[in-house]
Amino acid sequence: MGKLRRGNYLFSNMRYSDRAVFKQISKDEYDFEAGEHKDTELYSDIVTCYVMDLGIDKSVKIFGDYSKQRKVIYLKNTYTKPFNLVEYLGQRYIPVTDKQLAKVFYLEKDDSIGT
């Protein structure tokens, strides 16, 4: 990530070149043959974004611990549809909170069984 300096201000030059899938899923089906709950995907959207890891210092400051893997996702435009799962590079993340009018999201890695 490049950084630009103008006067006393330091600007970060973010490239929105990553892709993440925002999904709305429902976990209300139980498959008796497989013996597990099945996710029903209601819809999914692929969004252009910039993704970075949430550092240990920031994770402790915001959440009080650093035991889970967390990411910060930046969007160019606001995302207003409801979603409860984000897939990024084959990993599943659960949105914890959003900032800056639904342009920045804090994600926590989904460690539940079956993911």
C-alpha atoms as a PDB file:
ATOM      1  CA  MET A   1       0.000   0.000   0.000  1.00  0.00           C
ATOM      2  CA  GLY A   2       1.530   3.283  -1.076  1.00  0.00           C
ATOM      3  CA  LYS A   3       1.435   6.397   1.049  1.00  0.00           C
ATOM      4  CA  LEU A   4       1.287   9.977  -0.180  1.00  0.00           C
ATOM      5  CA  ARG A   5       2.368  12.992   1.835  1.00  0.00           C
ATOM      6  CA  ARG A   6       0.793  16.394   1.229  1.00  0.00           C
ATOM      7  CA  GLY A   7       1.891  19.022   3.704  1.00  0.00           C
ATOM      8  CA  ASN A   8       1.494  17.598   7.203  1.00  0.00           C
ATOM      9  CA  TYR A   9      -1.062  14.991   6.127  1.00  0.00           C
ATOM     10  CA  LEU A  10      -0.295  11.383   5.282  1.00  0.00           C
ATOM     11  CA  PHE A  11      -2.698   9.821   2.787  1.00  0.00           C
ATOM     12  CA  SER A  12      -2.955   6.133   2.114  1.00  0.00           C
ATOM     13  CA  ASN A  13      -3.299   5.100  -1.519  1.00  0.00           C
ATOM     14  CA  MET A  14      -5.791   2.210  -1.427  1.00  0.00           C
ATOM     15  CA  ARG A  15      -6.362   0.078  -4.484  1.00  0.00           C
ATOM     16  CA  TYR A  16      -9.779  -1.518  -4.552  1.00  0.00           C
ATOM     17  CA  SER A  17      -8.515  -4.590  -6.393  1.00  0.00           C
ATOM     18  CA  ASP A  18      -9.754  -7.342  -4.045  1.00  0.00           C
ATOM     19  CA  ARG A  19     -13.036  -9.198  -4.457  1.00  0.00           C
ATOM     20  CA  ALA A  20     -15.271 -10.392  -1.636  1.00  0.00           C
ATOM     21  CA  VAL A  21     -18.638 -12.121  -1.710  1.00  0.00           C
ATOM     22  CA  PHE A  22     -21.309 -10.660   0.573  1.00  0.00           C
ATOM     23  CA  LYS A  23     -23.961 -13.296   1.328  1.00  0.00           C
ATOM     24  CA  GLN A  24     -27.254 -13.508   3.125  1.00  0.00           C
ATOM     25  CA  ILE A  25     -27.702 -17.071   4.358  1.00  0.00           C
ATOM     26  CA  SER A  26     -30.275 -18.858   6.463  1.00  0.00           C
ATOM     27  CA  LYS A  27     -29.232 -21.698   8.796  1.00  0.00           C
ATOM     28  CA  ASP A  28     -32.674 -23.055   9.544  1.00  0.00           C
ATOM     29  CA  GLU A  29     -32.598 -26.356   7.582  1.00  0.00           C
ATOM     30  CA  TYR A  30     -31.496 -29.601   9.169  1.00  0.00           C
ATOM     31  CA  ASP A  31     -30.497 -32.466   6.886  1.00  0.00           C
ATOM     32  CA  PHE A  32     -31.416 -35.686   8.694  1.00  0.00           C
ATOM     33  CA  GLU A  33     -29.512 -37.901   6.242  1.00  0.00           C
ATOM     34  CA  ALA A  34     -26.241 -35.966   6.630  1.00  0.00           C
ATOM     35  CA  GLY A  35     -26.885 -35.200  10.303  1.00  0.00           C
ATOM     36  CA  GLU A  36     -26.007 -31.504  10.062  1.00  0.00           C
ATOM     37  CA  HIS A  37     -27.487 -28.088   9.482  1.00  0.00           C
ATOM     38  CA  LYS A  38     -27.459 -26.852   5.888  1.00  0.00           C
ATOM     39  CA  ASP A  39     -26.991 -23.237   4.880  1.00  0.00           C
ATOM     40  CA  THR A  40     -29.560 -21.856   2.477  1.00  0.00           C
ATOM     41  CA  GLU A  41     -28.098 -19.012   0.435  1.00  0.00           C
ATOM     42  CA  LEU A  42     -30.713 -16.329  -0.121  1.00  0.00           C
ATOM     43  CA  TYR A  43     -28.491 -14.148  -2.326  1.00  0.00           C
ATOM     44  CA  SER A  44     -24.868 -13.155  -2.856  1.00  0.00           C
ATOM     45  CA  ASP A  45     -23.074 -10.136  -4.317  1.00  0.00           C
ATOM     46  CA  ILE A  46     -19.464  -9.842  -5.461  1.00  0.00           C
ATOM     47  CA  VAL A  47     -18.043  -6.479  -4.391  1.00  0.00           C
ATOM     48  CA  THR A  48     -14.815  -4.692  -5.231  1.00  0.00           C
ATOM     49  CA  CYS A  49     -12.925  -3.808  -2.080  1.00  0.00           C
ATOM     50  CA  TYR A  50      -9.640  -3.334  -0.268  1.00  0.00           C
ATOM     51  CA  VAL A  51      -8.955  -5.872   2.496  1.00  0.00           C
ATOM     52  CA  MET A  52      -6.323  -5.754   5.233  1.00  0.00           C
ATOM     53  CA  ASP A  53      -5.640  -7.625   8.455  1.00  0.00           C
ATOM     54  CA  LEU A  54      -6.646  -5.976  11.692  1.00  0.00           C
ATOM     55  CA  GLY A  55      -3.440  -5.753  13.723  1.00  0.00           C
ATOM     56  CA  ILE A  56      -3.007  -7.027  17.261  1.00  0.00           C
ATOM     57  CA  ASP A  57      -2.919  -3.537  18.807  1.00  0.00           C
ATOM     58  CA  LYS A  58      -6.072  -2.411  17.034  1.00  0.00           C
ATOM     59  CA  SER A  59      -7.836  -5.716  17.743  1.00  0.00           C
ATOM     60  CA  VAL A  60      -7.160  -5.402  21.474  1.00  0.00           C
ATOM     61  CA  LYS A  61      -8.200  -1.749  21.466  1.00  0.00           C
ATOM     62  CA  ILE A  62     -11.508  -2.370  19.656  1.00  0.00           C
ATOM     63  CA  PHE A  63     -12.530  -5.880  20.761  1.00  0.00           C
ATOM     64  CA  GLY A  64     -10.502  -6.431  23.934  1.00  0.00           C
ATOM     65  CA  ASP A  65      -8.683  -9.532  22.662  1.00  0.00           C
ATOM     66  CA  TYR A  66      -6.662 -10.832  19.732  1.00  0.00           C
ATOM     67  CA  SER A  67      -7.643 -14.499  19.779  1.00  0.00           C
ATOM     68  CA  LYS A  68      -9.639 -14.435  16.528  1.00  0.00           C
ATOM     69  CA  GLN A  69      -8.424 -13.641  13.040  1.00  0.00           C
ATOM     70  CA  ARG A  70      -9.981 -10.348  11.967  1.00  0.00           C
ATOM     71  CA  LYS A  71      -9.965  -8.327   8.769  1.00  0.00           C
ATOM     72  CA  VAL A  72     -11.019  -4.826   7.805  1.00  0.00           C
ATOM     73  CA  ILE A  73     -12.762  -4.429   4.475  1.00  0.00           C
ATOM     74  CA  TYR A  74     -13.029  -1.048   2.740  1.00  0.00           C
ATOM     75  CA  LEU A  75     -15.605  -0.376   0.013  1.00  0.00           C
ATOM     76  CA  LYS A  76     -15.671   2.487  -2.445  1.00  0.00           C
ATOM     77  CA  ASN A  77     -19.466   2.711  -2.334  1.00  0.00           C
ATOM     78  CA  THR A  78     -21.851   1.973   0.501  1.00  0.00           C
ATOM     79  CA  TYR A  79     -23.383  -1.500   0.712  1.00  0.00           C
ATOM     80  CA  THR A  80     -26.952  -1.284   1.981  1.00  0.00           C
ATOM     81  CA  LYS A  81     -28.309  -4.822   1.523  1.00  0.00           C
ATOM     82  CA  PRO A  82     -28.418  -6.963   4.663  1.00  0.00           C
ATOM     83  CA  PHE A  83     -25.769  -9.699   4.850  1.00  0.00           C
ATOM     84  CA  ASN A  84     -24.490 -12.063   7.507  1.00  0.00           C
ATOM     85  CA  LEU A  85     -21.481 -13.715   5.849  1.00  0.00           C
ATOM     86  CA  VAL A  86     -18.494 -12.559   3.801  1.00  0.00           C
ATOM     87  CA  GLU A  87     -16.284 -14.916   1.801  1.00  0.00           C
ATOM     88  CA  TYR A  88     -12.770 -13.748   1.013  1.00  0.00           C
ATOM     89  CA  LEU A  89     -10.045 -15.948  -0.519  1.00  0.00           C
ATOM     90  CA  GLY A  90     -11.981 -19.106   0.301  1.00  0.00           C
ATOM     91  CA  GLN A  91     -12.407 -18.198   3.996  1.00  0.00           C
ATOM     92  CA  ARG A  92     -15.697 -17.346   5.682  1.00  0.00           C
ATOM     93  CA  TYR A  93     -15.968 -14.233   7.858  1.00  0.00           C
ATOM     94  CA  ILE A  94     -18.795 -12.886   9.977  1.00  0.00           C
ATOM     95  CA  PRO A  95     -19.359  -9.109   9.955  1.00  0.00           C
ATOM     96  CA  VAL A  96     -18.964  -7.707  13.458  1.00  0.00           C
ATOM     97  CA  THR A  97     -19.542  -4.002  12.920  1.00  0.00           C
ATOM     98  CA  ASP A  98     -19.578  -1.361  10.209  1.00  0.00           C
ATOM     99  CA  LYS A  99     -18.118   2.121  10.211  1.00  0.00           C
ATOM    100  CA  GLN A 100     -18.207   5.206   7.994  1.00  0.00           C
ATOM    101  CA  LEU A 101     -21.728   4.785   6.596  1.00  0.00           C
ATOM    102  CA  ALA A 102     -21.426   1.125   5.556  1.00  0.00           C
ATOM    103  CA  LYS A 103     -18.143   1.607   3.689  1.00  0.00           C
ATOM    104  CA  VAL A 104     -15.839  -0.038   6.255  1.00  0.00           C
ATOM    105  CA  PHE A 105     -16.592  -3.392   7.886  1.00  0.00           C
ATOM    106  CA  TYR A 106     -14.800  -5.322  10.627  1.00  0.00           C
ATOM    107  CA  LEU A 107     -14.901  -9.059   9.970  1.00  0.00           C
ATOM    108  CA  GLU A 108     -14.185 -12.002  12.268  1.00  0.00           C
ATOM    109  CA  LYS A 109     -13.187 -15.421  10.926  1.00  0.00           C
ATOM    110  CA  ASP A 110     -15.996 -17.983  11.131  1.00  0.00           C
ATOM    111  CA  ASP A 111     -14.626 -20.823  13.287  1.00  0.00           C
ATOM    112  CA  SER A 112     -17.907 -22.723  13.552  1.00  0.00           C
ATOM    113  CA  ILE A 113     -17.987 -26.426  12.742  1.00  0.00           C
ATOM    114  CA  GLY A 114     -18.809 -27.260   9.146  1.00  0.00           C
ATOM    115  CA  THR A 115     -17.200 -24.225   7.549  1.00  0.00           C
END
